[in-house]
Amino acid sequence: MRVNLTTRRSSVCSPGNIGVHSYRLSLESRHRRQEARCFNIEHAELLLREALQSSIVFVVSIYGINSILDARTGHAFAKIERGATRQAVISQLGKPDVTRPCGKNLWWGGDGDYLGRDDGVCVTEDRYEYFLNAWGVGYTVDGRAVSKYHYFSE
């Protein structure tokens, strides 16, 4: 059996309201049923406006919180010294988001601080990831910092 649902504007509603007639075919009774619903346009616009404002506030809040946490990590990241233990770094930066094998190159800070190719001295890298940024610290087999890098919008 085919169910057909159609809608059309209703003239039943008072001015300032918009109405919709819905026609539904009941599978049980095999009768067509008509429903009319009226919606206040001003109320609908107000709800839409409030939903949009709430969404904007939510997004801005999340971005702000992320920026504050990213800045906090950046300040702690700048204080990490070469040879620091992994435990000392974790006490400054917190638990890493990701631990992965080191890349092919060693850095100490950013693009201007290239130390050369990794000859196997760096074995693992802890990453602290934020929106459009990440901070990475690479460690030797015995857990000493040999590389750190600030990643931008990967």
Protein backbone atom coordinates (compact mmCIF):
# COMPACT_ATOMS: atom_id res chain seq x y z
CA MET A 1 0.00 0.00 0.00
CA ARG A 2 1.29 3.44 -0.87
CA VAL A 3 1.30 6.26 1.70
CA ASN A 4 0.98 9.76 0.31
CA LEU A 5 1.88 12.82 2.40
CA THR A 6 1.20 16.27 1.01
CA THR A 7 1.18 19.70 2.58
CA ARG A 8 -0.31 23.03 1.58
CA ARG A 9 -0.64 26.43 3.21
CA SER A 10 -3.65 26.82 5.43
CA SER A 11 -6.05 29.74 5.34
CA VAL A 12 -7.52 28.63 8.69
CA CYS A 13 -4.89 30.42 10.79
CA SER A 14 -5.16 34.00 12.05
CA PRO A 15 -3.01 36.84 10.62
CA GLY A 16 0.63 36.63 11.70
CA ASN A 17 0.46 32.85 11.72
CA ILE A 18 1.30 30.35 9.05
CA GLY A 19 -0.60 27.12 8.76
CA VAL A 20 0.12 23.80 7.20
CA HIS A 21 -2.41 21.15 6.29
CA SER A 22 -1.12 17.61 6.36
CA TYR A 23 -2.94 14.79 4.73
CA ARG A 24 -2.10 11.35 6.05
CA LEU A 25 -3.32 8.01 4.92
CA SER A 26 -3.88 5.71 7.84
CA LEU A 27 -2.79 2.18 7.03
CA GLU A 28 -5.12 0.73 9.65
CA SER A 29 -8.36 2.47 8.71
CA ARG A 30 -7.50 3.27 5.07
CA HIS A 31 -8.96 6.75 5.48
CA ARG A 32 -7.39 10.04 4.62
CA ARG A 33 -7.01 12.32 7.64
CA GLN A 34 -6.51 16.08 7.42
CA GLU A 35 -4.60 18.01 10.10
CA ALA A 36 -4.11 21.76 10.28
CA ARG A 37 -1.33 23.23 12.37
CA CYS A 38 -0.77 26.93 12.89
CA PHE A 39 2.63 28.41 13.69
CA ASN A 40 3.22 31.96 14.86
CA ILE A 41 5.76 33.49 12.46
CA GLU A 42 7.19 35.89 15.07
CA HIS A 43 7.62 33.05 17.56
CA ALA A 44 9.31 30.88 14.94
CA GLU A 45 11.66 33.73 13.99
CA LEU A 46 12.47 34.34 17.66
CA LEU A 47 13.28 30.65 18.21
CA LEU A 48 15.46 30.59 15.11
CA ARG A 49 17.29 33.77 16.19
CA GLU A 50 17.88 32.37 19.71
CA ALA A 51 19.15 29.07 18.29
CA LEU A 52 21.56 30.93 16.01
CA GLN A 53 22.81 33.12 18.87
CA SER A 54 23.28 30.09 21.12
CA SER A 55 25.22 28.30 18.39
CA ILE A 56 27.50 31.31 17.91
CA VAL A 57 28.10 31.63 21.67
CA PHE A 58 28.86 27.89 21.87
CA VAL A 59 31.37 27.96 18.99
CA VAL A 60 33.09 31.12 20.30
CA SER A 61 33.29 29.61 23.80
CA ILE A 62 34.84 26.38 22.55
CA TYR A 63 37.34 28.32 20.44
CA GLY A 64 38.18 30.58 23.41
CA ILE A 65 38.71 27.66 25.78
CA ASN A 66 40.87 25.91 23.18
CA SER A 67 42.93 29.08 22.66
CA ILE A 68 43.52 29.49 26.39
CA LEU A 69 44.62 25.87 26.76
CA ASP A 70 46.81 26.14 23.65
CA ALA A 71 48.51 29.29 25.01
CA ARG A 72 49.06 27.59 28.37
CA THR A 73 50.69 24.63 26.62
CA GLY A 74 52.81 27.01 24.52
CA HIS A 75 54.21 28.73 27.62
CA ALA A 76 55.05 25.39 29.26
CA PHE A 77 56.47 24.09 25.95
CA ALA A 78 58.90 27.03 25.76
CA LYS A 79 60.32 26.08 29.18
CA ILE A 80 61.20 22.50 28.19
CA GLU A 81 64.97 22.05 28.12
CA ARG A 82 66.95 19.59 26.04
CA GLY A 83 67.56 16.40 28.03
CA ALA A 84 64.50 16.85 30.28
CA THR A 85 62.89 13.59 31.34
CA ARG A 86 59.57 12.51 29.89
CA GLN A 87 58.09 12.57 33.39
CA ALA A 88 59.21 16.21 33.88
CA VAL A 89 57.64 17.20 30.54
CA ILE A 90 54.38 15.42 31.40
CA SER A 91 54.29 17.22 34.75
CA GLN A 92 54.50 20.54 32.85
CA LEU A 93 52.27 19.79 29.86
CA GLY A 94 50.01 17.04 31.18
CA LYS A 95 49.17 13.71 29.61
CA PRO A 96 49.83 13.72 25.85
CA ASP A 97 46.98 13.28 23.37
CA VAL A 98 49.01 11.00 21.10
CA THR A 99 52.27 9.07 21.39
CA ARG A 100 53.78 8.05 18.07
CA PRO A 101 57.16 7.25 16.47
CA CYS A 102 59.42 10.25 15.78
CA GLY A 103 59.57 11.82 12.35
CA LYS A 104 62.61 11.94 10.08
CA ASN A 105 63.86 15.32 11.32
CA LEU A 106 64.79 16.83 14.67
CA TRP A 107 63.76 20.32 15.74
CA TRP A 108 64.06 22.40 18.85
CA GLY A 109 61.12 24.80 18.78
CA GLY A 110 59.95 25.60 15.28
CA ASP A 111 60.96 25.84 11.62
CA GLY A 112 63.92 28.11 12.41
CA ASP A 113 65.42 25.60 14.83
CA TYR A 114 66.29 22.62 12.63
CA LEU A 115 68.73 20.19 14.27
CA GLY A 116 69.17 17.81 11.34
CA ARG A 117 67.95 14.38 10.33
CA ASP A 118 66.98 11.89 13.01
CA ASP A 119 69.66 9.20 13.01
CA GLY A 120 67.60 7.02 15.35
CA VAL A 121 68.24 8.96 18.55
CA CYS A 122 64.56 10.02 18.74
CA VAL A 123 62.25 7.03 19.14
CA THR A 124 58.89 8.37 20.37
CA GLU A 125 57.07 11.68 20.20
CA ASP A 126 54.32 12.87 22.51
CA ARG A 127 51.83 15.25 20.91
CA TYR A 128 49.52 17.75 22.55
CA GLU A 129 46.85 18.60 19.98
CA TYR A 130 44.66 21.66 19.75
CA PHE A 131 42.51 23.20 17.04
CA LEU A 132 44.91 24.15 14.20
CA ASN A 133 47.98 23.60 16.45
CA ALA A 134 49.94 20.77 17.99
CA TRP A 135 52.99 20.63 20.23
CA GLY A 136 55.36 17.66 19.94
CA VAL A 137 58.22 16.50 22.16
CA GLY A 138 60.52 13.69 20.99
CA TYR A 139 62.36 11.35 23.36
CA THR A 140 65.32 9.00 23.32
CA VAL A 141 65.09 5.34 24.33
CA ASP A 142 65.81 6.33 27.94
CA GLY A 143 63.08 9.02 27.94
CA ARG A 144 65.11 12.22 27.49
CA ALA A 145 63.83 15.12 25.34
CA VAL A 146 65.84 15.49 22.12
CA SER A 147 63.33 17.25 19.90
CA LYS A 148 60.38 19.59 20.23
CA TYR A 149 58.26 21.17 17.54
CA HIS A 150 55.23 23.45 17.28
CA TYR A 151 52.98 22.26 14.43
CA PHE A 152 50.68 24.77 12.71
CA SER A 153 47.48 23.73 10.89
CA GLU A 154 48.57 20.38 9.57
